[in-house]
PDB file of N, CA and C in Angstrom:
ATOM      1  N   MET A   1      -4.131   6.322 100.947  1.00  0.00           N
ATOM      2  CA  MET A   1      -3.086   5.543 100.333  1.00  0.00           C
ATOM      3  C   MET A   1      -3.572   4.917  99.018  1.00  0.00           C
ATOM      4  N   LYS A   2      -4.854   4.522  99.015  1.00  0.00           N
ATOM      5  CA  LYS A   2      -5.422   3.908  97.819  1.00  0.00           C
ATOM      6  C   LYS A   2      -5.429   4.900  96.656  1.00  0.00           C
ATOM      7  N   LYS A   3      -5.736   6.159  96.940  1.00  0.00           N
ATOM      8  CA  LYS A   3      -5.733   7.206  95.911  1.00  0.00           C
ATOM      9  C   LYS A   3      -4.344   7.348  95.298  1.00  0.00           C
ATOM     10  N   MET A   4      -3.339   7.305  96.136  1.00  0.00           N
ATOM     11  CA  MET A   4      -1.961   7.438  95.675  1.00  0.00           C
ATOM     12  C   MET A   4      -1.592   6.275  94.758  1.00  0.00           C
ATOM     13  N   GLU A   5      -2.015   5.074  95.106  1.00  0.00           N
ATOM     14  CA  GLU A   5      -1.733   3.894  94.285  1.00  0.00           C
ATOM     15  C   GLU A   5      -2.434   4.006  92.935  1.00  0.00           C
ATOM     16  N   GLU A   6      -3.686   4.474  92.950  1.00  0.00           N
ATOM     17  CA  GLU A   6      -4.423   4.673  91.703  1.00  0.00           C
ATOM     18  C   GLU A   6      -3.725   5.696  90.825  1.00  0.00           C
ATOM     19  N   MET A   7      -3.277   6.771  91.412  1.00  0.00           N
ATOM     20  CA  MET A   7      -2.580   7.805  90.659  1.00  0.00           C
ATOM     21  C   MET A   7      -1.268   7.278  90.081  1.00  0.00           C
ATOM     22  N   MET A   8      -0.546   6.500  90.854  1.00  0.00           N
ATOM     23  CA  MET A   8       0.711   5.932  90.395  1.00  0.00           C
ATOM     24  C   MET A   8       0.466   4.955  89.240  1.00  0.00           C
ATOM     25  N   GLU A   9      -0.611   4.179  89.360  1.00  0.00           N
ATOM     26  CA  GLU A   9      -0.957   3.233  88.303  1.00  0.00           C
ATOM     27  C   GLU A   9      -1.312   3.982  87.016  1.00  0.00           C
ATOM     28  N   LEU A  10      -2.119   5.021  87.143  1.00  0.00           N
ATOM     29  CA  LEU A  10      -2.470   5.834  85.968  1.00  0.00           C
ATOM     30  C   LEU A  10      -1.234   6.487  85.358  1.00  0.00           C
ATOM     31  N   LEU A  11      -0.372   6.994  86.196  1.00  0.00           N
ATOM     32  CA  LEU A  11       0.850   7.618  85.719  1.00  0.00           C
ATOM     33  C   LEU A  11       1.737   6.600  85.004  1.00  0.00           C
ATOM     34  N   THR A  12       1.822   5.421  85.552  1.00  0.00           N
ATOM     35  CA  THR A  12       2.608   4.350  84.928  1.00  0.00           C
ATOM     36  C   THR A  12       2.035   3.994  83.557  1.00  0.00           C
ATOM     37  N   GLU A  13       0.717   3.889  83.456  1.00  0.00           N
ATOM     38  CA  GLU A  13       0.068   3.591  82.173  1.00  0.00           C
ATOM     39  C   GLU A  13       0.346   4.696  81.156  1.00  0.00           C
ATOM     40  N   GLU A  14       0.266   5.929  81.600  1.00  0.00           N
ATOM     41  CA  GLU A  14       0.536   7.059  80.711  1.00  0.00           C
ATOM     42  C   GLU A  14       1.981   7.033  80.213  1.00  0.00           C
ATOM     43  N   ILE A  15       2.898   6.743  81.114  1.00  0.00           N
ATOM     44  CA  ILE A  15       4.319   6.690  80.738  1.00  0.00           C
ATOM     45  C   ILE A  15       4.553   5.556  79.742  1.00  0.00           C
ATOM     46  N   GLU A  16       3.944   4.401  79.962  1.00  0.00           N
ATOM     47  CA  GLU A  16       4.085   3.278  79.038  1.00  0.00           C
ATOM     48  C   GLU A  16       3.526   3.636  77.658  1.00  0.00           C
ATOM     49  N   GLY A  17       2.366   4.276  77.650  1.00  0.00           N
ATOM     50  CA  GLY A  17       1.776   4.734  76.381  1.00  0.00           C
ATOM     51  C   GLY A  17       2.671   5.725  75.682  1.00  0.00           C
ATOM     52  N   PHE A  18       3.270   6.614  76.450  1.00  0.00           N
ATOM     53  CA  PHE A  18       4.180   7.604  75.886  1.00  0.00           C
ATOM     54  C   PHE A  18       5.396   6.914  75.264  1.00  0.00           C
ATOM     55  N   HIS A  19       5.946   5.917  75.945  1.00  0.00           N
ATOM     56  CA  HIS A  19       7.103   5.187  75.423  1.00  0.00           C
ATOM     57  C   HIS A  19       6.754   4.443  74.129  1.00  0.00           C
ATOM     58  N   LYS A  20       5.551   3.880  74.076  1.00  0.00           N
ATOM     59  CA  LYS A  20       5.110   3.199  72.847  1.00  0.00           C
ATOM     60  C   LYS A  20       5.011   4.189  71.696  1.00  0.00           C
ATOM     61  N   SER A  21       4.460   5.358  71.994  1.00  0.00           N
ATOM     62  CA  SER A  21       4.335   6.386  70.957  1.00  0.00           C
ATOM     63  C   SER A  21       5.704   6.838  70.469  1.00  0.00           C
ATOM     64  N   ILE A  22       6.626   6.995  71.384  1.00  0.00           N
ATOM     65  CA  ILE A  22       7.985   7.407  71.019  1.00  0.00           C
ATOM     66  C   ILE A  22       8.636   6.340  70.145  1.00  0.00           C
ATOM     67  N   SER A  23       8.445   5.083  70.494  1.00  0.00           N
ATOM     68  CA  SER A  23       9.009   3.992  69.702  1.00  0.00           C
ATOM     69  C   SER A  23       8.458   3.997  68.278  1.00  0.00           C
ATOM     70  N   LYS A  24       7.152   4.216  68.161  1.00  0.00           N
ATOM     71  CA  LYS A  24       6.532   4.284  66.831  1.00  0.00           C
ATOM     72  C   LYS A  24       7.088   5.464  66.041  1.00  0.00           C
ATOM     73  N   LEU A  25       7.221   6.607  66.686  1.00  0.00           N
ATOM     74  CA  LEU A  25       7.762   7.789  66.011  1.00  0.00           C
ATOM     75  C   LEU A  25       9.207   7.577  65.572  1.00  0.00           C
ATOM     76  N   GLU A  26       9.982   6.911  66.401  1.00  0.00           N
ATOM     77  CA  GLU A  26      11.371   6.631  66.039  1.00  0.00           C
ATOM     78  C   GLU A  26      11.429   5.726  64.814  1.00  0.00           C
ATOM     79  N   ALA A  27      10.558   4.719  64.754  1.00  0.00           N
ATOM     80  CA  ALA A  27      10.524   3.810  63.603  1.00  0.00           C
ATOM     81  C   ALA A  27      10.127   4.571  62.335  1.00  0.00           C
ATOM     82  N   LEU A  28       9.101   5.399  62.446  1.00  0.00           N
ATOM     83  CA  LEU A  28       8.673   6.200  61.294  1.00  0.00           C
ATOM     84  C   LEU A  28       9.759   7.175  60.874  1.00  0.00           C
ATOM     85  N   SER A  29      10.409   7.761  61.838  1.00  0.00           N
ATOM     86  CA  SER A  29      11.480   8.713  61.558  1.00  0.00           C
ATOM     87  C   SER A  29      12.607   8.033  60.793  1.00  0.00           C
ATOM     88  N   LYS A  30      12.935   6.812  61.161  1.00  0.00           N
ATOM     89  CA  LYS A  30      13.989   6.077  60.464  1.00  0.00           C
ATOM     90  C   LYS A  30      13.588   5.834  59.014  1.00  0.00           C
ATOM     91  N   ASN A  31      12.313   5.493  58.794  1.00  0.00           N
ATOM     92  CA  ASN A  31      11.834   5.281  57.422  1.00  0.00           C
ATOM     93  C   ASN A  31      11.996   6.544  56.584  1.00  0.00           C
ATOM     94  N   PHE A  32      11.673   7.681  57.145  1.00  0.00           N
ATOM     95  CA  PHE A  32      11.804   8.939  56.403  1.00  0.00           C
ATOM     96  C   PHE A  32      13.258   9.338  56.222  1.00  0.00           C
ATOM     97  N   LYS A  33      14.077   9.007  57.194  1.00  0.00           N
ATOM     98  CA  LYS A  33      15.498   9.351  57.101  1.00  0.00           C
ATOM     99  C   LYS A  33      16.153   8.627  55.934  1.00  0.00           C
ATOM    100  N   ASP A  34      15.746   7.388  55.697  1.00  0.00           N
ATOM    101  CA  ASP A  34      16.324   6.590  54.622  1.00  0.00           C
ATOM    102  C   ASP A  34      15.661   6.854  53.270  1.00  0.00           C
ATOM    103  N   LEU A  35      14.624   7.642  53.257  1.00  0.00           N
ATOM    104  CA  LEU A  35      13.880   7.916  52.034  1.00  0.00           C
ATOM    105  C   LEU A  35      14.649   8.887  51.149  1.00  0.00           C
ATOM    106  N   LYS A  36      14.829   8.515  49.913  1.00  0.00           N
ATOM    107  CA  LYS A  36      15.520   9.373  48.950  1.00  0.00           C
ATOM    108  C   LYS A  36      14.475   9.959  47.999  1.00  0.00           C
ATOM    109  N   LEU A  37      14.499  11.258  47.852  1.00  0.00           N
ATOM    110  CA  LEU A  37      13.569  11.932  46.956  1.00  0.00           C
ATOM    111  C   LEU A  37      14.335  12.539  45.790  1.00  0.00           C
ATOM    112  N   LYS A  38      13.779  12.398  44.616  1.00  0.00           N
ATOM    113  CA  LYS A  38      14.383  13.005  43.435  1.00  0.00           C
ATOM    114  C   LYS A  38      13.343  13.912  42.798  1.00  0.00           C
ATOM    115  N   ALA A  39      13.712  15.145  42.625  1.00  0.00           N
ATOM    116  CA  ALA A  39      12.792  16.112  42.024  1.00  0.00           C
ATOM    117  C   ALA A  39      12.743  15.891  40.517  1.00  0.00           C
ATOM    118  N   ASP A  40      11.544  15.889  39.966  1.00  0.00           N
ATOM    119  CA  ASP A  40      11.374  15.743  38.529  1.00  0.00           C
ATOM    120  C   ASP A  40      11.089  17.124  37.939  1.00  0.00           C
ATOM    121  N   THR A  41      12.073  17.633  37.235  1.00  0.00           N
ATOM    122  CA  THR A  41      11.955  18.973  36.658  1.00  0.00           C
ATOM    123  C   THR A  41      11.656  18.931  35.171  1.00  0.00           C
ATOM    124  N   SER A  42      11.356  17.773  34.635  1.00  0.00           N
ATOM    125  CA  SER A  42      11.176  17.639  33.186  1.00  0.00           C
ATOM    126  C   SER A  42      10.037  18.521  32.660  1.00  0.00           C
ATOM    127  N   ARG A  43       8.946  18.627  33.406  1.00  0.00           N
ATOM    128  CA  ARG A  43       7.833  19.473  32.938  1.00  0.00           C
ATOM    129  C   ARG A  43       8.247  20.944  32.890  1.00  0.00           C
ATOM    130  N   ILE A  44       8.982  21.372  33.880  1.00  0.00           N
ATOM    131  CA  ILE A  44       9.446  22.763  33.903  1.00  0.00           C
ATOM    132  C   ILE A  44      10.428  22.998  32.759  1.00  0.00           C
ATOM    133  N   GLU A  45      11.331  22.039  32.554  1.00  0.00           N
ATOM    134  CA  GLU A  45      12.312  22.173  31.472  1.00  0.00           C
ATOM    135  C   GLU A  45      11.616  22.260  30.120  1.00  0.00           C
ATOM    136  N   ASN A  46      10.598  21.410  29.889  1.00  0.00           N
ATOM    137  CA  ASN A  46       9.849  21.456  28.629  1.00  0.00           C
ATOM    138  C   ASN A  46       9.130  22.789  28.468  1.00  0.00           C
ATOM    139  N   TYR A  47       8.567  23.292  29.536  1.00  0.00           N
ATOM    140  CA  TYR A  47       7.885  24.584  29.477  1.00  0.00           C
ATOM    141  C   TYR A  47       8.874  25.683  29.106  1.00  0.00           C
ATOM    142  N   ILE A  48      10.042  25.672  29.732  1.00  0.00           N
ATOM    143  CA  ILE A  48      11.052  26.702  29.459  1.00  0.00           C
ATOM    144  C   ILE A  48      11.549  26.596  28.026  1.00  0.00           C
ATOM    145  N   LYS A  49      11.744  25.378  27.531  1.00  0.00           N
ATOM    146  CA  LYS A  49      12.174  25.207  26.139  1.00  0.00           C
ATOM    147  C   LYS A  49      11.137  25.766  25.188  1.00  0.00           C
ATOM    148  N   GLY A  50       9.860  25.453  25.446  1.00  0.00           N
ATOM    149  CA  GLY A  50       8.791  25.979  24.607  1.00  0.00           C
ATOM    150  C   GLY A  50       8.722  27.495  24.667  1.00  0.00           C
ATOM    151  N   PHE A  51       8.854  28.037  25.858  1.00  0.00           N
ATOM    152  CA  PHE A  51       8.822  29.490  26.033  1.00  0.00           C
ATOM    153  C   PHE A  51       9.993  30.149  25.308  1.00  0.00           C
ATOM    154  N   THR A  52      11.177  29.548  25.421  1.00  0.00           N
ATOM    155  CA  THR A  52      12.362  30.078  24.754  1.00  0.00           C
ATOM    156  C   THR A  52      12.182  30.059  23.240  1.00  0.00           C
ATOM    157  N   THR A  53      11.626  28.984  22.718  1.00  0.00           N
ATOM    158  CA  THR A  53      11.369  28.886  21.282  1.00  0.00           C
ATOM    159  C   THR A  53      10.414  29.988  20.832  1.00  0.00           C
ATOM    160  N   GLU A  54       9.353  30.193  21.589  1.00  0.00           N
ATOM    161  CA  GLU A  54       8.399  31.254  21.245  1.00  0.00           C
ATOM    162  C   GLU A  54       9.047  32.637  21.305  1.00  0.00           C
ATOM    163  N   GLN A  55       9.903  32.851  22.279  1.00  0.00           N
ATOM    164  CA  GLN A  55      10.582  34.141  22.387  1.00  0.00           C
ATOM    165  C   GLN A  55      11.527  34.362  21.216  1.00  0.00           C
ATOM    166  N   LYS A  56      12.218  33.310  20.796  1.00  0.00           N
ATOM    167  CA  LYS A  56      13.110  33.426  19.631  1.00  0.00           C
ATOM    168  C   LYS A  56      12.314  33.778  18.384  1.00  0.00           C
ATOM    169  N   LYS A  57      11.140  33.165  18.226  1.00  0.00           N
ATOM    170  CA  LYS A  57      10.271  33.486  17.085  1.00  0.00           C
ATOM    171  C   LYS A  57       9.833  34.944  17.148  1.00  0.00           C
ATOM    172  N   ALA A  58       9.457  35.394  18.336  1.00  0.00           N
ATOM    173  CA  ALA A  58       9.005  36.778  18.502  1.00  0.00           C
ATOM    174  C   ALA A  58      10.137  37.750  18.184  1.00  0.00           C
ATOM    175  N   ILE A  59      11.345  37.430  18.592  1.00  0.00           N
ATOM    176  CA  ILE A  59      12.498  38.300  18.312  1.00  0.00           C
ATOM    177  C   ILE A  59      12.767  38.341  16.819  1.00  0.00           C
ATOM    178  N   THR A  60      12.642  37.202  16.150  1.00  0.00           N
ATOM    179  CA  THR A  60      12.841  37.159  14.703  1.00  0.00           C
ATOM    180  C   THR A  60      11.827  38.046  13.992  1.00  0.00           C
ATOM    181  N   VAL A  61      10.561  37.935  14.376  1.00  0.00           N
ATOM    182  CA  VAL A  61       9.519  38.777  13.775  1.00  0.00           C
ATOM    183  C   VAL A  61       9.808  40.247  14.061  1.00  0.00           C
ATOM    184  N   TYR A  62      10.207  40.556  15.290  1.00  0.00           N
ATOM    185  CA  TYR A  62      10.527  41.928  15.657  1.00  0.00           C
ATOM    186  C   TYR A  62      11.658  42.473  14.775  1.00  0.00           C
ATOM    187  N   LYS A  63      12.698  41.678  14.587  1.00  0.00           N
ATOM    188  CA  LYS A  63      13.825  42.114  13.759  1.00  0.00           C
ATOM    189  C   LYS A  63      13.394  42.318  12.308  1.00  0.00           C
ATOM    190  N   GLU A  64      12.555  41.414  11.795  1.00  0.00           N
ATOM    191  CA  GLU A  64      12.063  41.551  10.421  1.00  0.00           C
ATOM    192  C   GLU A  64      11.243  42.826  10.263  1.00  0.00           C
ATOM    193  N   LYS A  65      10.362  43.076  11.193  1.00  0.00           N
ATOM    194  CA  LYS A  65       9.524  44.282  11.114  1.00  0.00           C
ATOM    195  C   LYS A  65      10.374  45.551  11.243  1.00  0.00           C
ATOM    196  N   THR A  66      11.370  45.495  12.130  1.00  0.00           N
ATOM    197  CA  THR A  66      12.262  46.640  12.289  1.00  0.00           C
ATOM    198  C   THR A  66      13.011  46.913  10.987  1.00  0.00           C
ATOM    199  N   THR A  67      13.477  45.854  10.326  1.00  0.00           N
ATOM    200  CA  THR A  67      14.179  46.003   9.050  1.00  0.00           C
ATOM    201  C   THR A  67      13.250  46.593   7.994  1.00  0.00           C
ATOM    202  N   GLU A  68      12.007  46.098   7.951  1.00  0.00           N
ATOM    203  CA  GLU A  68      11.033  46.631   6.996  1.00  0.00           C
ATOM    204  C   GLU A  68      10.790  48.122   7.233  1.00  0.00           C
ATOM    205  N   ILE A  69      10.660  48.509   8.493  1.00  0.00           N
ATOM    206  CA  ILE A  69      10.424  49.917   8.820  1.00  0.00           C
ATOM    207  C   ILE A  69      11.622  50.757   8.408  1.00  0.00           C
ATOM    208  N   LYS A  70      12.819  50.283   8.688  1.00  0.00           N
ATOM    209  CA  LYS A  70      14.034  51.021   8.297  1.00  0.00           C
ATOM    210  C   LYS A  70      14.102  51.187   6.792  1.00  0.00           C
ATOM    211  N   GLN A  71      13.803  50.103   6.066  1.00  0.00           N
ATOM    212  CA  GLN A  71      13.825  50.183   4.610  1.00  0.00           C
ATOM    213  C   GLN A  71      12.776  51.170   4.108  1.00  0.00           C
ATOM    214  N   GLY A  72      11.615  51.149   4.716  1.00  0.00           N
ATOM    215  CA  GLY A  72      10.550  52.080   4.333  1.00  0.00           C
ATOM    216  C   GLY A  72      10.950  53.526   4.586  1.00  0.00           C
ATOM    217  N   LEU A  73      11.657  53.763   5.700  1.00  0.00           N
ATOM    218  CA  LEU A  73      12.104  55.119   6.014  1.00  0.00           C
ATOM    219  C   LEU A  73      13.205  55.555   5.044  1.00  0.00           C
ATOM    220  N   ASN A  74      14.075  54.650   4.635  1.00  0.00           N
ATOM    221  CA  ASN A  74      15.147  54.978   3.710  1.00  0.00           C
ATOM    222  C   ASN A  74      14.605  55.309   2.327  1.00  0.00           C
ATOM    223  N   LEU A  75      13.506  54.664   1.895  1.00  0.00           N
ATOM    224  CA  LEU A  75      12.920  54.944   0.606  1.00  0.00           C
ATOM    225  C   LEU A  75      12.268  56.317   0.569  1.00  0.00           C
ATOM    226  N   HIS A  76      11.719  56.703   1.693  1.00  0.00           N
ATOM    227  CA  HIS A  76      11.014  57.989   1.747  1.00  0.00           C
ATOM    228  C   HIS A  76      11.907  59.105   2.242  1.00  0.00           C
ATOM    229  N   GLY A  77      13.070  58.792   2.713  1.00  0.00           N
ATOM    230  CA  GLY A  77      13.913  59.803   3.326  1.00  0.00           C
ATOM    231  C   GLY A  77      14.921  60.305   2.448  1.00  0.00           C
TER     232      GLY A  77
END
């Protein structure tokens, strides 16, 4: 009978510990539930703007070189 009482006492302690852990998790969960996150995309936007500017410059150079080649072909053709 003493063994059974010891086991019941241990089980009761475990259950109480489990309930405390659940209470802590519920409190933490509430904190995260109310947390608002805002993504900051400014670095990505700046990178894309810079990349777009460089691509526009490259296209301009490409068009200029293409025009020069066409003019060169027309002079010799």
